[in-house]
Amino acid sequence: MEPNLLIYLIVALATTTVGAVPLGLVNLSVLDSALKNDKRGATQIAYGASVVEVFFALTSLLAGAKLSPFFEGNPVVRYFVFAVLLVSGLFFWFKTNKRTTRKQPGKSFGFLKGVLLNIVSIQVLLFWLLAATVLSAKQWLPGTFQEVLLFLSGVWLAKMGVLKGYAFLAKIVATHAEKFSANTNRIIGIVLLVVAIVQFIKI
């Protein structure tokens, strides 16, 4: 691989890692599945979230400069985001979270959960719009098809790597995390409701 092409892979890996490491809804769900010994569920959530991450990254590459003002200043978008966060937060708050589980969820459900949680996390898209602006200023944005492909591959690998890391970390602290595992849905609900309130204040 040519050095000038490799840089796009490295930039994507670094950028995605910075955005994915902070604890969020997807990370919490992966932790929850891992703590319940549901490796398949955790992996499927990671796959779903990674697909959305690639989509967000591609969107930022194609139209970041144009979409950023739209998302930041459009009141309709703000009300829509508030409504989605509020409904999602209430759903997770009232959703029963079983303390233990032996039955692994279906493949499609785990994947869909990862997709929905990353879509609801609108800050991920805003992060990529900001990242695209910064990368553009430094002339690190990919231009050719091969460069874009390498960049998106780096996004996928980094997102999966971070989420796999969270799953691995969960196993290490599993013996001290039973209470956390039993209340993950409520934690997710609280996070969503707090973000919804902050979003409402900004409207």
C-alpha atoms as a PDB file:
ATOM      1  CA  MET A   1       0.000   0.000   0.000  1.00  0.00           C
ATOM      2  CA  GLU A   2       1.351   3.438  -0.927  1.00  0.00           C
ATOM      3  CA  PRO A   3       2.317   5.687   2.009  1.00  0.00           C
ATOM      4  CA  ASN A   4       0.095   8.522   0.779  1.00  0.00           C
ATOM      5  CA  LEU A   5      -2.884   6.138   0.814  1.00  0.00           C
ATOM      6  CA  LEU A   6      -2.033   4.626   4.193  1.00  0.00           C
ATOM      7  CA  ILE A   7      -2.410   8.024   5.842  1.00  0.00           C
ATOM      8  CA  TYR A   8      -6.165   8.019   5.157  1.00  0.00           C
ATOM      9  CA  LEU A   9      -6.525   4.703   6.958  1.00  0.00           C
ATOM     10  CA  ILE A  10      -4.514   6.017   9.918  1.00  0.00           C
ATOM     11  CA  VAL A  11      -6.504   9.275  10.048  1.00  0.00           C
ATOM     12  CA  ALA A  12      -9.782   7.327  10.004  1.00  0.00           C
ATOM     13  CA  LEU A  13      -8.612   4.979  12.773  1.00  0.00           C
ATOM     14  CA  ALA A  14      -7.507   7.887  14.975  1.00  0.00           C
ATOM     15  CA  THR A  15     -10.589  10.046  14.328  1.00  0.00           C
ATOM     16  CA  THR A  16     -13.071   7.230  14.928  1.00  0.00           C
ATOM     17  CA  THR A  17     -11.317   6.141  18.117  1.00  0.00           C
ATOM     18  CA  VAL A  18     -11.511   9.667  19.534  1.00  0.00           C
ATOM     19  CA  GLY A  19     -15.246   9.764  18.855  1.00  0.00           C
ATOM     20  CA  ALA A  20     -16.035   6.196  19.935  1.00  0.00           C
ATOM     21  CA  VAL A  21     -14.130   5.850  23.213  1.00  0.00           C
ATOM     22  CA  PRO A  22     -16.308   8.209  25.355  1.00  0.00           C
ATOM     23  CA  LEU A  23     -19.077   6.262  27.097  1.00  0.00           C
ATOM     24  CA  GLY A  24     -22.336   6.453  25.149  1.00  0.00           C
ATOM     25  CA  LEU A  25     -25.519   4.512  24.451  1.00  0.00           C
ATOM     26  CA  VAL A  26     -23.906   1.950  22.148  1.00  0.00           C
ATOM     27  CA  ASN A  27     -21.017   1.391  24.538  1.00  0.00           C
ATOM     28  CA  LEU A  28     -23.453   0.877  27.425  1.00  0.00           C
ATOM     29  CA  SER A  29     -25.438  -1.684  25.430  1.00  0.00           C
ATOM     30  CA  VAL A  30     -22.295  -3.594  24.480  1.00  0.00           C
ATOM     31  CA  LEU A  31     -21.222  -3.581  28.130  1.00  0.00           C
ATOM     32  CA  ASP A  32     -24.653  -4.837  29.154  1.00  0.00           C
ATOM     33  CA  SER A  33     -24.608  -7.739  26.678  1.00  0.00           C
ATOM     34  CA  ALA A  34     -21.045  -8.668  27.596  1.00  0.00           C
ATOM     35  CA  LEU A  35     -21.873  -8.659  31.313  1.00  0.00           C
ATOM     36  CA  LYS A  36     -24.721 -11.082  30.609  1.00  0.00           C
ATOM     37  CA  ASN A  37     -22.365 -13.427  28.733  1.00  0.00           C
ATOM     38  CA  ASP A  38     -24.197 -12.617  25.509  1.00  0.00           C
ATOM     39  CA  LYS A  39     -21.155 -12.410  23.231  1.00  0.00           C
ATOM     40  CA  ARG A  40     -23.229 -12.789  20.090  1.00  0.00           C
ATOM     41  CA  GLY A  41     -25.556  -9.954  21.110  1.00  0.00           C
ATOM     42  CA  ALA A  42     -22.631  -7.652  21.916  1.00  0.00           C
ATOM     43  CA  THR A  43     -21.012  -8.434  18.558  1.00  0.00           C
ATOM     44  CA  GLN A  44     -24.226  -7.816  16.620  1.00  0.00           C
ATOM     45  CA  ILE A  45     -24.778  -4.477  18.390  1.00  0.00           C
ATOM     46  CA  ALA A  46     -21.225  -3.522  17.440  1.00  0.00           C
ATOM     47  CA  TYR A  47     -21.864  -4.488  13.805  1.00  0.00           C
ATOM     48  CA  GLY A  48     -25.034  -2.408  13.639  1.00  0.00           C
ATOM     49  CA  ALA A  49     -23.411   0.616  15.271  1.00  0.00           C
ATOM     50  CA  SER A  50     -20.386   0.337  12.972  1.00  0.00           C
ATOM     51  CA  VAL A  51     -22.582   0.387   9.861  1.00  0.00           C
ATOM     52  CA  VAL A  52     -24.197   3.630  11.041  1.00  0.00           C
ATOM     53  CA  GLU A  53     -20.768   5.024  11.937  1.00  0.00           C
ATOM     54  CA  VAL A  54     -19.573   4.389   8.377  1.00  0.00           C
ATOM     55  CA  PHE A  55     -22.734   6.047   7.035  1.00  0.00           C
ATOM     56  CA  PHE A  56     -22.171   9.109   9.262  1.00  0.00           C
ATOM     57  CA  ALA A  57     -18.548   9.315   8.162  1.00  0.00           C
ATOM     58  CA  LEU A  58     -19.501   9.039   4.487  1.00  0.00           C
ATOM     59  CA  THR A  59     -22.194  11.700   4.929  1.00  0.00           C
ATOM     60  CA  SER A  60     -19.688  14.055   6.520  1.00  0.00           C
ATOM     61  CA  LEU A  61     -17.229  13.474   3.676  1.00  0.00           C
ATOM     62  CA  LEU A  62     -19.807  14.140   0.973  1.00  0.00           C
ATOM     63  CA  ALA A  63     -21.722  17.063   2.432  1.00  0.00           C
ATOM     64  CA  GLY A  64     -20.242  18.021   5.782  1.00  0.00           C
ATOM     65  CA  ALA A  65     -19.862  21.717   5.068  1.00  0.00           C
ATOM     66  CA  LYS A  66     -23.441  22.022   3.803  1.00  0.00           C
ATOM     67  CA  LEU A  67     -25.148  19.854   6.446  1.00  0.00           C
ATOM     68  CA  SER A  68     -23.435  21.313   9.500  1.00  0.00           C
ATOM     69  CA  PRO A  69     -25.317  24.685   9.484  1.00  0.00           C
ATOM     70  CA  PHE A  70     -28.566  22.831   8.753  1.00  0.00           C
ATOM     71  CA  PHE A  71     -28.261  20.611  11.818  1.00  0.00           C
ATOM     72  CA  GLU A  72     -26.981  23.350  14.087  1.00  0.00           C
ATOM     73  CA  GLY A  73     -29.465  26.101  13.285  1.00  0.00           C
ATOM     74  CA  ASN A  74     -32.680  24.439  12.083  1.00  0.00           C
ATOM     75  CA  PRO A  75     -35.397  24.517  14.831  1.00  0.00           C
ATOM     76  CA  VAL A  76     -37.355  21.701  13.123  1.00  0.00           C
ATOM     77  CA  VAL A  77     -34.337  19.417  13.407  1.00  0.00           C
ATOM     78  CA  ARG A  78     -33.903  20.389  17.050  1.00  0.00           C
ATOM     79  CA  TYR A  79     -37.526  19.588  17.907  1.00  0.00           C
ATOM     80  CA  PHE A  80     -37.265  16.294  16.032  1.00  0.00           C
ATOM     81  CA  VAL A  81     -34.096  15.330  17.919  1.00  0.00           C
ATOM     82  CA  PHE A  82     -35.746  16.287  21.223  1.00  0.00           C
ATOM     83  CA  ALA A  83     -38.808  14.128  20.462  1.00  0.00           C
ATOM     84  CA  VAL A  84     -36.694  11.114  19.452  1.00  0.00           C
ATOM     85  CA  LEU A  85     -34.510  11.407  22.561  1.00  0.00           C
ATOM     86  CA  LEU A  86     -37.521  11.822  24.864  1.00  0.00           C
ATOM     87  CA  VAL A  87     -39.425   8.827  23.462  1.00  0.00           C
ATOM     88  CA  SER A  88     -36.299   6.654  23.421  1.00  0.00           C
ATOM     89  CA  GLY A  89     -35.402   7.660  26.977  1.00  0.00           C
ATOM     90  CA  LEU A  90     -38.866   6.788  28.289  1.00  0.00           C
ATOM     91  CA  PHE A  91     -38.799   3.497  26.402  1.00  0.00           C
ATOM     92  CA  PHE A  92     -35.510   2.389  27.975  1.00  0.00           C
ATOM     93  CA  TRP A  93     -36.537   3.673  31.429  1.00  0.00           C
ATOM     94  CA  PHE A  94     -39.661   1.513  31.529  1.00  0.00           C
ATOM     95  CA  LYS A  95     -38.145  -1.462  29.675  1.00  0.00           C
ATOM     96  CA  THR A  96     -37.516  -4.432  31.960  1.00  0.00           C
ATOM     97  CA  ASN A  97     -33.863  -5.334  32.287  1.00  0.00           C
ATOM     98  CA  LYS A  98     -33.454  -8.962  33.343  1.00  0.00           C
ATOM     99  CA  ARG A  99     -30.598  -9.596  35.731  1.00  0.00           C
ATOM    100  CA  THR A 100     -29.475 -12.759  33.971  1.00  0.00           C
ATOM    101  CA  THR A 101     -30.147 -14.339  30.621  1.00  0.00           C
ATOM    102  CA  ARG A 102     -29.257 -17.615  28.942  1.00  0.00           C
ATOM    103  CA  LYS A 103     -31.157 -17.144  25.737  1.00  0.00           C
ATOM    104  CA  GLN A 104     -29.202 -15.202  23.176  1.00  0.00           C
ATOM    105  CA  PRO A 105     -31.139 -12.613  21.155  1.00  0.00           C
ATOM    106  CA  GLY A 106     -31.721 -13.058  17.472  1.00  0.00           C
ATOM    107  CA  LYS A 107     -29.061 -11.852  15.125  1.00  0.00           C
ATOM    108  CA  SER A 108     -31.265  -9.252  13.480  1.00  0.00           C
ATOM    109  CA  PHE A 109     -32.442  -7.789  16.817  1.00  0.00           C
ATOM    110  CA  GLY A 110     -28.925  -7.154  18.109  1.00  0.00           C
ATOM    111  CA  PHE A 111     -27.885  -5.628  14.798  1.00  0.00           C
ATOM    112  CA  LEU A 112     -31.013  -3.432  14.701  1.00  0.00           C
ATOM    113  CA  LYS A 113     -30.430  -2.314  18.285  1.00  0.00           C
ATOM    114  CA  GLY A 114     -26.916  -1.181  17.399  1.00  0.00           C
ATOM    115  CA  VAL A 115     -28.231   0.685  14.352  1.00  0.00           C
ATOM    116  CA  LEU A 116     -31.003   2.463  16.279  1.00  0.00           C
ATOM    117  CA  LEU A 117     -28.831   3.403  19.254  1.00  0.00           C
ATOM    118  CA  ASN A 118     -26.168   4.969  17.052  1.00  0.00           C
ATOM    119  CA  ILE A 119     -28.785   6.813  14.983  1.00  0.00           C
ATOM    120  CA  VAL A 120     -30.393   8.177  18.156  1.00  0.00           C
ATOM    121  CA  SER A 121     -26.953   9.354  19.289  1.00  0.00           C
ATOM    122  CA  ILE A 122     -27.154  12.442  17.061  1.00  0.00           C
ATOM    123  CA  GLN A 123     -23.959  13.757  18.655  1.00  0.00           C
ATOM    124  CA  VAL A 124     -22.088  11.088  16.675  1.00  0.00           C
ATOM    125  CA  LEU A 125     -23.181  12.685  13.404  1.00  0.00           C
ATOM    126  CA  LEU A 126     -22.341  16.136  14.738  1.00  0.00           C
ATOM    127  CA  PHE A 127     -18.904  14.822  15.734  1.00  0.00           C
ATOM    128  CA  TRP A 128     -18.300  13.594  12.189  1.00  0.00           C
ATOM    129  CA  LEU A 129     -19.443  16.892  10.685  1.00  0.00           C
ATOM    130  CA  LEU A 130     -16.978  18.694  12.945  1.00  0.00           C
ATOM    131  CA  ALA A 131     -14.265  16.137  12.204  1.00  0.00           C
ATOM    132  CA  ALA A 132     -14.786  16.583   8.454  1.00  0.00           C
ATOM    133  CA  THR A 133     -14.354  20.343   8.858  1.00  0.00           C
ATOM    134  CA  VAL A 134     -11.097  19.895  10.780  1.00  0.00           C
ATOM    135  CA  LEU A 135      -9.747  17.271   8.366  1.00  0.00           C
ATOM    136  CA  SER A 136     -10.663  19.469   5.417  1.00  0.00           C
ATOM    137  CA  ALA A 137      -8.741  22.386   6.927  1.00  0.00           C
ATOM    138  CA  LYS A 138      -5.697  20.135   7.282  1.00  0.00           C
ATOM    139  CA  GLN A 139      -6.215  18.719   3.759  1.00  0.00           C
ATOM    140  CA  TRP A 140      -6.590  15.188   5.122  1.00  0.00           C
ATOM    141  CA  LEU A 141      -9.948  14.416   3.538  1.00  0.00           C
ATOM    142  CA  PRO A 142      -9.911  11.538   1.016  1.00  0.00           C
ATOM    143  CA  GLY A 143     -10.680  12.472  -2.573  1.00  0.00           C
ATOM    144  CA  THR A 144     -10.397   9.419  -4.807  1.00  0.00           C
ATOM    145  CA  PHE A 145     -12.550   6.284  -4.567  1.00  0.00           C
ATOM    146  CA  GLN A 146      -9.612   4.268  -3.218  1.00  0.00           C
ATOM    147  CA  GLU A 147      -8.875   6.882  -0.560  1.00  0.00           C
ATOM    148  CA  VAL A 148     -12.522   7.008   0.540  1.00  0.00           C
ATOM    149  CA  LEU A 149     -12.671   3.213   0.676  1.00  0.00           C
ATOM    150  CA  LEU A 150      -9.591   3.072   2.882  1.00  0.00           C
ATOM    151  CA  PHE A 151     -10.961   5.843   5.088  1.00  0.00           C
ATOM    152  CA  LEU A 152     -14.302   4.091   5.590  1.00  0.00           C
ATOM    153  CA  SER A 153     -12.493   0.804   6.243  1.00  0.00           C
ATOM    154  CA  GLY A 154     -10.571   2.551   9.001  1.00  0.00           C
ATOM    155  CA  VAL A 155     -13.832   3.890  10.471  1.00  0.00           C
ATOM    156  CA  TRP A 156     -15.314   0.378  10.549  1.00  0.00           C
ATOM    157  CA  LEU A 157     -12.211  -1.202  12.073  1.00  0.00           C
ATOM    158  CA  ALA A 158     -11.814   1.458  14.756  1.00  0.00           C
ATOM    159  CA  LYS A 159     -15.490   1.417  15.794  1.00  0.00           C
ATOM    160  CA  MET A 160     -15.526  -2.373  16.017  1.00  0.00           C
ATOM    161  CA  GLY A 161     -12.207  -2.344  17.862  1.00  0.00           C
ATOM    162  CA  VAL A 162     -13.403   0.149  20.485  1.00  0.00           C
ATOM    163  CA  LEU A 163     -16.670  -1.723  21.080  1.00  0.00           C
ATOM    164  CA  LYS A 164     -14.846  -5.052  21.271  1.00  0.00           C
ATOM    165  CA  GLY A 165     -12.565  -3.399  23.808  1.00  0.00           C
ATOM    166  CA  TYR A 166     -15.567  -2.374  25.895  1.00  0.00           C
ATOM    167  CA  ALA A 167     -16.873  -5.951  25.773  1.00  0.00           C
ATOM    168  CA  PHE A 168     -13.479  -7.283  26.879  1.00  0.00           C
ATOM    169  CA  LEU A 169     -13.294  -4.722  29.686  1.00  0.00           C
ATOM    170  CA  ALA A 170     -16.766  -5.725  30.853  1.00  0.00           C
ATOM    171  CA  LYS A 171     -15.643  -9.307  31.373  1.00  0.00           C
ATOM    172  CA  ILE A 172     -12.763  -8.148  33.545  1.00  0.00           C
ATOM    173  CA  VAL A 173     -15.017  -6.183  35.900  1.00  0.00           C
ATOM    174  CA  ALA A 174     -18.019  -8.520  35.628  1.00  0.00           C
ATOM    175  CA  THR A 175     -17.704  -9.760  39.198  1.00  0.00           C
ATOM    176  CA  HIS A 176     -18.173  -6.196  40.485  1.00  0.00           C
ATOM    177  CA  ALA A 177     -20.804  -5.080  37.998  1.00  0.00           C
ATOM    178  CA  GLU A 178     -23.916  -7.142  38.729  1.00  0.00           C
ATOM    179  CA  LYS A 179     -25.865  -4.093  39.930  1.00  0.00           C
ATOM    180  CA  PHE A 180     -24.805  -2.107  36.877  1.00  0.00           C
ATOM    181  CA  SER A 181     -25.867  -4.906  34.540  1.00  0.00           C
ATOM    182  CA  ALA A 182     -29.301  -5.147  36.153  1.00  0.00           C
ATOM    183  CA  ASN A 183     -29.968  -1.437  35.646  1.00  0.00           C
ATOM    184  CA  THR A 184     -28.388  -0.727  32.267  1.00  0.00           C
ATOM    185  CA  ASN A 185     -31.674   0.092  30.531  1.00  0.00           C
ATOM    186  CA  ARG A 186     -32.495   2.678  33.177  1.00  0.00           C
ATOM    187  CA  ILE A 187     -29.013   4.157  32.875  1.00  0.00           C
ATOM    188  CA  ILE A 188     -29.485   4.440  29.110  1.00  0.00           C
ATOM    189  CA  GLY A 189     -32.926   5.970  29.700  1.00  0.00           C
ATOM    190  CA  ILE A 190     -31.508   8.547  32.115  1.00  0.00           C
ATOM    191  CA  VAL A 191     -28.746   9.486  29.666  1.00  0.00           C
ATOM    192  CA  LEU A 192     -31.298   9.953  26.870  1.00  0.00           C
ATOM    193  CA  LEU A 193     -33.667  11.990  29.049  1.00  0.00           C
ATOM    194  CA  VAL A 194     -30.856  14.260  30.259  1.00  0.00           C
ATOM    195  CA  VAL A 195     -29.703  14.845  26.681  1.00  0.00           C
ATOM    196  CA  ALA A 196     -33.340  15.500  25.676  1.00  0.00           C
ATOM    197  CA  ILE A 197     -33.676  18.142  28.417  1.00  0.00           C
ATOM    198  CA  VAL A 198     -30.437  19.808  27.315  1.00  0.00           C
ATOM    199  CA  GLN A 199     -31.674  19.739  23.708  1.00  0.00           C
ATOM    200  CA  PHE A 200     -35.010  21.294  24.763  1.00  0.00           C
ATOM    201  CA  ILE A 201     -33.208  24.102  26.617  1.00  0.00           C
ATOM    202  CA  LYS A 202     -31.229  24.881  23.458  1.00  0.00           C
ATOM    203  CA  ILE A 203     -34.383  25.199  21.289  1.00  0.00           C
END
